[in-house]
Protein backbone atom coordinates (compact mmCIF):
# COMPACT_ATOMS: atom_id res chain seq x y z
CA UNK A 1 0.00 0.00 0.00
CA UNK A 2 1.41 3.38 -1.02
CA UNK A 3 0.93 6.23 1.42
CA UNK A 4 0.08 9.60 0.04
CA UNK A 5 2.49 12.50 0.35
CA UNK A 6 -0.02 14.31 2.56
CA UNK A 7 -0.18 11.36 4.97
CA UNK A 8 3.62 11.12 5.10
CA UNK A 9 3.87 14.87 5.74
CA UNK A 10 1.28 14.62 8.51
CA UNK A 11 3.15 11.72 10.13
CA UNK A 12 6.44 13.61 9.98
CA UNK A 13 4.79 16.71 11.43
CA UNK A 14 3.29 14.64 14.27
CA UNK A 15 6.69 13.14 15.07
CA UNK A 16 8.36 16.56 15.07
CA UNK A 17 5.65 18.10 17.24
CA UNK A 18 5.96 15.22 19.72
CA UNK A 19 9.72 15.67 19.99
CA UNK A 20 9.46 19.45 20.37
CA UNK A 21 6.70 19.08 22.95
CA UNK A 22 8.94 16.74 24.99
CA UNK A 23 11.76 19.29 24.86
CA UNK A 24 9.30 21.96 25.99
CA UNK A 25 8.29 19.85 28.97
CA UNK A 26 11.95 19.43 29.92
CA UNK A 27 12.43 23.19 29.69
CA UNK A 28 9.36 23.77 31.89
CA UNK A 29 10.86 21.42 34.52
CA UNK A 30 14.18 23.28 34.31
CA UNK A 31 12.36 26.59 34.67
CA UNK A 32 10.70 25.41 37.88
CA UNK A 33 14.06 24.62 39.45
CA UNK A 34 15.91 27.69 38.17
CA UNK A 35 16.52 30.83 40.15
CA UNK A 36 17.81 34.11 38.81
CA UNK A 37 16.00 36.34 36.39
CA UNK A 38 18.41 36.02 33.46
CA UNK A 39 18.42 32.19 33.26
CA UNK A 40 14.64 32.13 33.74
CA UNK A 41 14.19 34.68 30.94
CA UNK A 42 16.32 32.53 28.61
CA UNK A 43 14.24 29.45 29.40
CA UNK A 44 10.97 31.34 28.95
CA UNK A 45 12.10 32.62 25.53
CA UNK A 46 13.14 29.11 24.49
CA UNK A 47 9.74 27.76 25.55
CA UNK A 48 7.96 30.51 23.58
CA UNK A 49 10.06 29.74 20.51
CA UNK A 50 9.25 26.02 20.77
CA UNK A 51 5.54 26.78 21.12
CA UNK A 52 5.70 29.00 18.03
CA UNK A 53 7.64 26.36 16.09
CA UNK A 54 5.06 23.71 17.00
CA UNK A 55 2.29 26.02 15.79
CA UNK A 56 4.14 26.61 12.50
CA UNK A 57 4.61 22.87 11.93
CA UNK A 58 0.94 22.19 12.59
CA UNK A 59 -0.11 24.95 10.21
CA UNK A 60 2.27 23.71 7.52
CA UNK A 61 1.02 20.15 7.90
CA UNK A 62 -2.59 21.24 7.47
CA UNK A 63 -1.81 23.69 4.68
CA UNK A 64 -3.18 26.66 6.60
CA UNK A 65 -1.67 30.11 6.69
CA UNK A 66 -0.74 31.69 10.05
CA UNK A 67 -2.85 34.62 11.20
CA UNK A 68 -1.62 38.10 10.20
CA UNK A 69 -0.79 38.99 13.82
CA UNK A 70 1.16 35.76 14.51
CA UNK A 71 4.69 36.33 15.83
CA UNK A 72 7.46 35.69 13.31
PDB file of N, CA and C in Angstrom:
ATOM      1  N   UNK A   1       0.843  -1.184   0.000  1.00  0.00           N
ATOM      2  CA  UNK A   1       0.000   0.000   0.000  1.00  0.00           C
ATOM      3  C   UNK A   1       0.888   1.247   0.000  1.00  0.00           C
ATOM      4  N   UNK A   2       0.633   2.155  -0.889  1.00  0.00           N
ATOM      5  CA  UNK A   2       1.410   3.376  -1.018  1.00  0.00           C
ATOM      6  C   UNK A   2       0.722   4.484  -0.234  1.00  0.00           C
ATOM      7  N   UNK A   3       1.499   5.116   0.644  1.00  0.00           N
ATOM      8  CA  UNK A   3       0.935   6.227   1.422  1.00  0.00           C
ATOM      9  C   UNK A   3       1.035   7.512   0.618  1.00  0.00           C
ATOM     10  N   UNK A   4       0.063   8.339   0.770  1.00  0.00           N
ATOM     11  CA  UNK A   4       0.077   9.605   0.042  1.00  0.00           C
ATOM     12  C   UNK A   4       1.104  10.554   0.664  1.00  0.00           C
ATOM     13  N   UNK A   5       1.540  11.508  -0.138  1.00  0.00           N
ATOM     14  CA  UNK A   5       2.488  12.499   0.351  1.00  0.00           C
ATOM     15  C   UNK A   5       1.909  13.279   1.520  1.00  0.00           C
ATOM     16  N   UNK A   6       0.621  13.563   1.480  1.00  0.00           N
ATOM     17  CA  UNK A   6      -0.019  14.310   2.563  1.00  0.00           C
ATOM     18  C   UNK A   6       0.025  13.514   3.863  1.00  0.00           C
ATOM     19  N   UNK A   7      -0.205  12.203   3.771  1.00  0.00           N
ATOM     20  CA  UNK A   7      -0.175  11.361   4.968  1.00  0.00           C
ATOM     21  C   UNK A   7       1.239  11.279   5.522  1.00  0.00           C
ATOM     22  N   UNK A   8       2.218  11.161   4.656  1.00  0.00           N
ATOM     23  CA  UNK A   8       3.615  11.118   5.098  1.00  0.00           C
ATOM     24  C   UNK A   8       3.976  12.439   5.774  1.00  0.00           C
ATOM     25  N   UNK A   9       3.588  13.553   5.166  1.00  0.00           N
ATOM     26  CA  UNK A   9       3.875  14.866   5.741  1.00  0.00           C
ATOM     27  C   UNK A   9       3.212  15.017   7.110  1.00  0.00           C
ATOM     28  N   UNK A  10       1.978  14.544   7.230  1.00  0.00           N
ATOM     29  CA  UNK A  10       1.278  14.624   8.515  1.00  0.00           C
ATOM     30  C   UNK A  10       1.982  13.775   9.569  1.00  0.00           C
ATOM     31  N   UNK A  11       2.437  12.588   9.185  1.00  0.00           N
ATOM     32  CA  UNK A  11       3.150  11.720  10.130  1.00  0.00           C
ATOM     33  C   UNK A  11       4.468  12.345  10.577  1.00  0.00           C
ATOM     34  N   UNK A  12       5.188  12.936   9.639  1.00  0.00           N
ATOM     35  CA  UNK A  12       6.445  13.607   9.977  1.00  0.00           C
ATOM     36  C   UNK A  12       6.165  14.784  10.908  1.00  0.00           C
ATOM     37  N   UNK A  13       5.149  15.568  10.592  1.00  0.00           N
ATOM     38  CA  UNK A  13       4.788  16.705  11.433  1.00  0.00           C
ATOM     39  C   UNK A  13       4.423  16.242  12.837  1.00  0.00           C
ATOM     40  N   UNK A  14       3.657  15.167  12.947  1.00  0.00           N
ATOM     41  CA  UNK A  14       3.294  14.636  14.267  1.00  0.00           C
ATOM     42  C   UNK A  14       4.525  14.218  15.052  1.00  0.00           C
ATOM     43  N   UNK A  15       5.464  13.576  14.392  1.00  0.00           N
ATOM     44  CA  UNK A  15       6.691  13.138  15.066  1.00  0.00           C
ATOM     45  C   UNK A  15       7.505  14.342  15.534  1.00  0.00           C
ATOM     46  N   UNK A  16       7.617  15.359  14.685  1.00  0.00           N
ATOM     47  CA  UNK A  16       8.358  16.561  15.066  1.00  0.00           C
ATOM     48  C   UNK A  16       7.689  17.280  16.233  1.00  0.00           C
ATOM     49  N   UNK A  17       6.380  17.423  16.166  1.00  0.00           N
ATOM     50  CA  UNK A  17       5.653  18.095  17.238  1.00  0.00           C
ATOM     51  C   UNK A  17       5.832  17.326  18.548  1.00  0.00           C
ATOM     52  N   UNK A  18       5.779  16.024  18.503  1.00  0.00           N
ATOM     53  CA  UNK A  18       5.960  15.219  19.717  1.00  0.00           C
ATOM     54  C   UNK A  18       7.338  15.437  20.328  1.00  0.00           C
ATOM     55  N   UNK A  19       8.356  15.457  19.499  1.00  0.00           N
ATOM     56  CA  UNK A  19       9.722  15.672  19.995  1.00  0.00           C
ATOM     57  C   UNK A  19       9.882  17.078  20.570  1.00  0.00           C
ATOM     58  N   UNK A  20       9.361  18.072  19.868  1.00  0.00           N
ATOM     59  CA  UNK A  20       9.459  19.448  20.365  1.00  0.00           C
ATOM     60  C   UNK A  20       8.666  19.635  21.650  1.00  0.00           C
ATOM     61  N   UNK A  21       7.517  18.987  21.741  1.00  0.00           N
ATOM     62  CA  UNK A  21       6.704  19.076  22.951  1.00  0.00           C
ATOM     63  C   UNK A  21       7.464  18.478  24.132  1.00  0.00           C
ATOM     64  N   UNK A  22       8.154  17.367  23.922  1.00  0.00           N
ATOM     65  CA  UNK A  22       8.940  16.739  24.985  1.00  0.00           C
ATOM     66  C   UNK A  22      10.069  17.672  25.446  1.00  0.00           C
ATOM     67  N   UNK A  23      10.718  18.330  24.502  1.00  0.00           N
ATOM     68  CA  UNK A  23      11.763  19.293  24.863  1.00  0.00           C
ATOM     69  C   UNK A  23      11.158  20.439  25.671  1.00  0.00           C
ATOM     70  N   UNK A  24       9.991  20.903  25.255  1.00  0.00           N
ATOM     71  CA  UNK A  24       9.303  21.961  25.990  1.00  0.00           C
ATOM     72  C   UNK A  24       8.993  21.567  27.417  1.00  0.00           C
ATOM     73  N   UNK A  25       8.555  20.327  27.611  1.00  0.00           N
ATOM     74  CA  UNK A  25       8.294  19.851  28.968  1.00  0.00           C
ATOM     75  C   UNK A  25       9.563  19.832  29.806  1.00  0.00           C
ATOM     76  N   UNK A  26      10.669  19.408  29.206  1.00  0.00           N
ATOM     77  CA  UNK A  26      11.951  19.427  29.918  1.00  0.00           C
ATOM     78  C   UNK A  26      12.333  20.854  30.296  1.00  0.00           C
ATOM     79  N   UNK A  27      12.115  21.793  29.385  1.00  0.00           N
ATOM     80  CA  UNK A  27      12.427  23.188  29.692  1.00  0.00           C
ATOM     81  C   UNK A  27      11.532  23.731  30.806  1.00  0.00           C
ATOM     82  N   UNK A  28      10.264  23.352  30.812  1.00  0.00           N
ATOM     83  CA  UNK A  28       9.365  23.767  31.894  1.00  0.00           C
ATOM     84  C   UNK A  28       9.863  23.243  33.232  1.00  0.00           C
ATOM     85  N   UNK A  29      10.316  21.984  33.272  1.00  0.00           N
ATOM     86  CA  UNK A  29      10.865  21.421  34.517  1.00  0.00           C
ATOM     87  C   UNK A  29      12.118  22.179  34.941  1.00  0.00           C
ATOM     88  N   UNK A  30      12.969  22.513  33.992  1.00  0.00           N
ATOM     89  CA  UNK A  30      14.175  23.278  34.308  1.00  0.00           C
ATOM     90  C   UNK A  30      13.813  24.667  34.833  1.00  0.00           C
ATOM     91  N   UNK A  31      12.789  25.264  34.239  1.00  0.00           N
ATOM     92  CA  UNK A  31      12.356  26.591  34.667  1.00  0.00           C
ATOM     93  C   UNK A  31      11.898  26.574  36.122  1.00  0.00           C
ATOM     94  N   UNK A  32      11.191  25.519  36.511  1.00  0.00           N
ATOM     95  CA  UNK A  32      10.696  25.409  37.882  1.00  0.00           C
ATOM     96  C   UNK A  32      11.824  25.339  38.903  1.00  0.00           C
ATOM     97  N   UNK A  33      12.961  24.793  38.510  1.00  0.00           N
ATOM     98  CA  UNK A  33      14.064  24.624  39.452  1.00  0.00           C
ATOM     99  C   UNK A  33      15.168  25.664  39.268  1.00  0.00           C
ATOM    100  N   UNK A  34      14.909  26.682  38.454  1.00  0.00           N
ATOM    101  CA  UNK A  34      15.915  27.694  38.169  1.00  0.00           C
ATOM    102  C   UNK A  34      15.617  28.974  38.939  1.00  0.00           C
ATOM    103  N   UNK A  35      16.667  29.524  39.522  1.00  0.00           N
ATOM    104  CA  UNK A  35      16.520  30.833  40.154  1.00  0.00           C
ATOM    105  C   UNK A  35      17.354  31.829  39.355  1.00  0.00           C
ATOM    106  N   UNK A  36      17.103  33.071  39.563  1.00  0.00           N
ATOM    107  CA  UNK A  36      17.809  34.108  38.812  1.00  0.00           C
ATOM    108  C   UNK A  36      16.991  34.537  37.618  1.00  0.00           C
ATOM    109  N   UNK A  37      16.880  35.830  37.444  1.00  0.00           N
ATOM    110  CA  UNK A  37      16.003  36.343  36.392  1.00  0.00           C
ATOM    111  C   UNK A  37      16.550  36.100  34.991  1.00  0.00           C
ATOM    112  N   UNK A  38      17.856  36.195  34.811  1.00  0.00           N
ATOM    113  CA  UNK A  38      18.409  36.017  33.464  1.00  0.00           C
ATOM    114  C   UNK A  38      18.253  34.581  32.955  1.00  0.00           C
ATOM    115  N   UNK A  39      18.627  33.563  33.756  1.00  0.00           N
ATOM    116  CA  UNK A  39      18.417  32.192  33.263  1.00  0.00           C
ATOM    117  C   UNK A  39      16.937  31.877  33.034  1.00  0.00           C
ATOM    118  N   UNK A  40      16.075  32.368  33.909  1.00  0.00           N
ATOM    119  CA  UNK A  40      14.635  32.129  33.744  1.00  0.00           C
ATOM    120  C   UNK A  40      14.138  32.782  32.457  1.00  0.00           C
ATOM    121  N   UNK A  41      14.615  33.982  32.158  1.00  0.00           N
ATOM    122  CA  UNK A  41      14.193  34.680  30.937  1.00  0.00           C
ATOM    123  C   UNK A  41      14.636  33.902  29.701  1.00  0.00           C
ATOM    124  N   UNK A  42      15.844  33.341  29.740  1.00  0.00           N
ATOM    125  CA  UNK A  42      16.323  32.534  28.609  1.00  0.00           C
ATOM    126  C   UNK A  42      15.441  31.304  28.408  1.00  0.00           C
ATOM    127  N   UNK A  43      15.100  30.634  29.504  1.00  0.00           N
ATOM    128  CA  UNK A  43      14.244  29.448  29.402  1.00  0.00           C
ATOM    129  C   UNK A  43      12.855  29.817  28.899  1.00  0.00           C
ATOM    130  N   UNK A  44      12.303  30.921  29.396  1.00  0.00           N
ATOM    131  CA  UNK A  44      10.971  31.340  28.954  1.00  0.00           C
ATOM    132  C   UNK A  44      10.962  31.663  27.461  1.00  0.00           C
ATOM    133  N   UNK A  45      12.018  32.321  26.969  1.00  0.00           N
ATOM    134  CA  UNK A  45      12.100  32.617  25.531  1.00  0.00           C
ATOM    135  C   UNK A  45      12.212  31.329  24.715  1.00  0.00           C
ATOM    136  N   UNK A  46      12.999  30.384  25.207  1.00  0.00           N
ATOM    137  CA  UNK A  46      13.137  29.113  24.492  1.00  0.00           C
ATOM    138  C   UNK A  46      11.800  28.384  24.428  1.00  0.00           C
ATOM    139  N   UNK A  47      11.062  28.401  25.518  1.00  0.00           N
ATOM    140  CA  UNK A  47       9.744  27.762  25.550  1.00  0.00           C
ATOM    141  C   UNK A  47       8.798  28.446  24.561  1.00  0.00           C
ATOM    142  N   UNK A  48       8.808  29.772  24.534  1.00  0.00           N
ATOM    143  CA  UNK A  48       7.963  30.508  23.582  1.00  0.00           C
ATOM    144  C   UNK A  48       8.330  30.167  22.144  1.00  0.00           C
ATOM    145  N   UNK A  49       9.623  30.072  21.859  1.00  0.00           N
ATOM    146  CA  UNK A  49      10.058  29.738  20.507  1.00  0.00           C
ATOM    147  C   UNK A  49       9.628  28.322  20.119  1.00  0.00           C
ATOM    148  N   UNK A  50       9.721  27.380  21.059  1.00  0.00           N
ATOM    149  CA  UNK A  50       9.248  26.022  20.766  1.00  0.00           C
ATOM    150  C   UNK A  50       7.755  26.004  20.504  1.00  0.00           C
ATOM    151  N   UNK A  51       6.995  26.724  21.327  1.00  0.00           N
ATOM    152  CA  UNK A  51       5.539  26.783  21.121  1.00  0.00           C
ATOM    153  C   UNK A  51       5.214  27.349  19.737  1.00  0.00           C
ATOM    154  N   UNK A  52       5.926  28.396  19.353  1.00  0.00           N
ATOM    155  CA  UNK A  52       5.698  29.005  18.030  1.00  0.00           C
ATOM    156  C   UNK A  52       6.086  28.024  16.922  1.00  0.00           C
ATOM    157  N   UNK A  53       7.190  27.325  17.091  1.00  0.00           N
ATOM    158  CA  UNK A  53       7.636  26.358  16.089  1.00  0.00           C
ATOM    159  C   UNK A  53       6.625  25.232  15.932  1.00  0.00           C
ATOM    160  N   UNK A  54       6.086  24.750  17.047  1.00  0.00           N
ATOM    161  CA  UNK A  54       5.057  23.708  16.995  1.00  0.00           C
ATOM    162  C   UNK A  54       3.846  24.214  16.230  1.00  0.00           C
ATOM    163  N   UNK A  55       3.439  25.447  16.506  1.00  0.00           N
ATOM    164  CA  UNK A  55       2.290  26.021  15.790  1.00  0.00           C
ATOM    165  C   UNK A  55       2.572  26.100  14.291  1.00  0.00           C
ATOM    166  N   UNK A  56       3.784  26.507  13.919  1.00  0.00           N
ATOM    167  CA  UNK A  56       4.137  26.612  12.504  1.00  0.00           C
ATOM    168  C   UNK A  56       4.117  25.242  11.825  1.00  0.00           C
ATOM    169  N   UNK A  57       4.616  24.224  12.502  1.00  0.00           N
ATOM    170  CA  UNK A  57       4.609  22.871  11.928  1.00  0.00           C
ATOM    171  C   UNK A  57       3.180  22.395  11.728  1.00  0.00           C
ATOM    172  N   UNK A  58       2.337  22.616  12.722  1.00  0.00           N
ATOM    173  CA  UNK A  58       0.936  22.188  12.592  1.00  0.00           C
ATOM    174  C   UNK A  58       0.247  22.908  11.443  1.00  0.00           C
ATOM    175  N   UNK A  59       0.493  24.198  11.310  1.00  0.00           N
ATOM    176  CA  UNK A  59      -0.114  24.951  10.209  1.00  0.00           C
ATOM    177  C   UNK A  59       0.397  24.459   8.863  1.00  0.00           C
ATOM    178  N   UNK A  60       1.702  24.196   8.783  1.00  0.00           N
ATOM    179  CA  UNK A  60       2.272  23.713   7.524  1.00  0.00           C
ATOM    180  C   UNK A  60       1.713  22.342   7.162  1.00  0.00           C
ATOM    181  N   UNK A  61       1.522  21.497   8.152  1.00  0.00           N
ATOM    182  CA  UNK A  61       1.016  20.148   7.898  1.00  0.00           C
ATOM    183  C   UNK A  61      -0.432  20.165   7.427  1.00  0.00           C
ATOM    184  N   UNK A  62      -1.186  21.166   7.874  1.00  0.00           N
ATOM    185  CA  UNK A  62      -2.585  21.243   7.470  1.00  0.00           C
ATOM    186  C   UNK A  62      -2.790  22.147   6.267  1.00  0.00           C
ATOM    187  N   UNK A  63      -1.713  22.817   5.835  1.00  0.00           N
ATOM    188  CA  UNK A  63      -1.810  23.690   4.676  1.00  0.00           C
ATOM    189  C   UNK A  63      -2.464  25.022   4.962  1.00  0.00           C
ATOM    190  N   UNK A  64      -2.566  25.383   6.238  1.00  0.00           N
ATOM    191  CA  UNK A  64      -3.179  26.656   6.601  1.00  0.00           C
ATOM    192  C   UNK A  64      -2.124  27.747   6.693  1.00  0.00           C
ATOM    193  N   UNK A  65      -2.552  28.967   6.542  1.00  0.00           N
ATOM    194  CA  UNK A  65      -1.665  30.112   6.692  1.00  0.00           C
ATOM    195  C   UNK A  65      -1.781  30.627   8.118  1.00  0.00           C
ATOM    196  N   UNK A  66      -0.656  31.109   8.704  1.00  0.00           N
ATOM    197  CA  UNK A  66      -0.741  31.692  10.047  1.00  0.00           C
ATOM    198  C   UNK A  66      -1.527  32.991  10.016  1.00  0.00           C
ATOM    199  N   UNK A  67      -2.128  33.364  11.146  1.00  0.00           N
ATOM    200  CA  UNK A  67      -2.846  34.621  11.196  1.00  0.00           C
ATOM    201  C   UNK A  67      -1.886  35.792  10.963  1.00  0.00           C
ATOM    202  N   UNK A  68      -2.437  36.903  10.487  1.00  0.00           N
ATOM    203  CA  UNK A  68      -1.625  38.096  10.197  1.00  0.00           C
ATOM    204  C   UNK A  68      -0.841  38.570  11.414  1.00  0.00           C
ATOM    205  N   UNK A  69      -1.428  38.471  12.625  1.00  0.00           N
ATOM    206  CA  UNK A  69      -0.787  38.986  13.823  1.00  0.00           C
ATOM    207  C   UNK A  69       0.086  37.942  14.533  1.00  0.00           C
ATOM    208  N   UNK A  70       0.324  36.803  13.898  1.00  0.00           N
ATOM    209  CA  UNK A  70       1.158  35.762  14.508  1.00  0.00           C
ATOM    210  C   UNK A  70       2.598  36.244  14.580  1.00  0.00           C
ATOM    211  N   UNK A  71       3.279  35.914  15.716  1.00  0.00           N
ATOM    212  CA  UNK A  71       4.690  36.328  15.825  1.00  0.00           C
ATOM    213  C   UNK A  71       5.548  35.602  14.796  1.00  0.00           C
ATOM    214  N   UNK A  72       6.574  36.276  14.326  1.00  0.00           N
ATOM    215  CA  UNK A  72       7.462  35.688  13.311  1.00  0.00           C
ATOM    216  C   UNK A  72       8.562  34.880  13.939  1.00  0.00           C
TER     217      UNK A  72
END
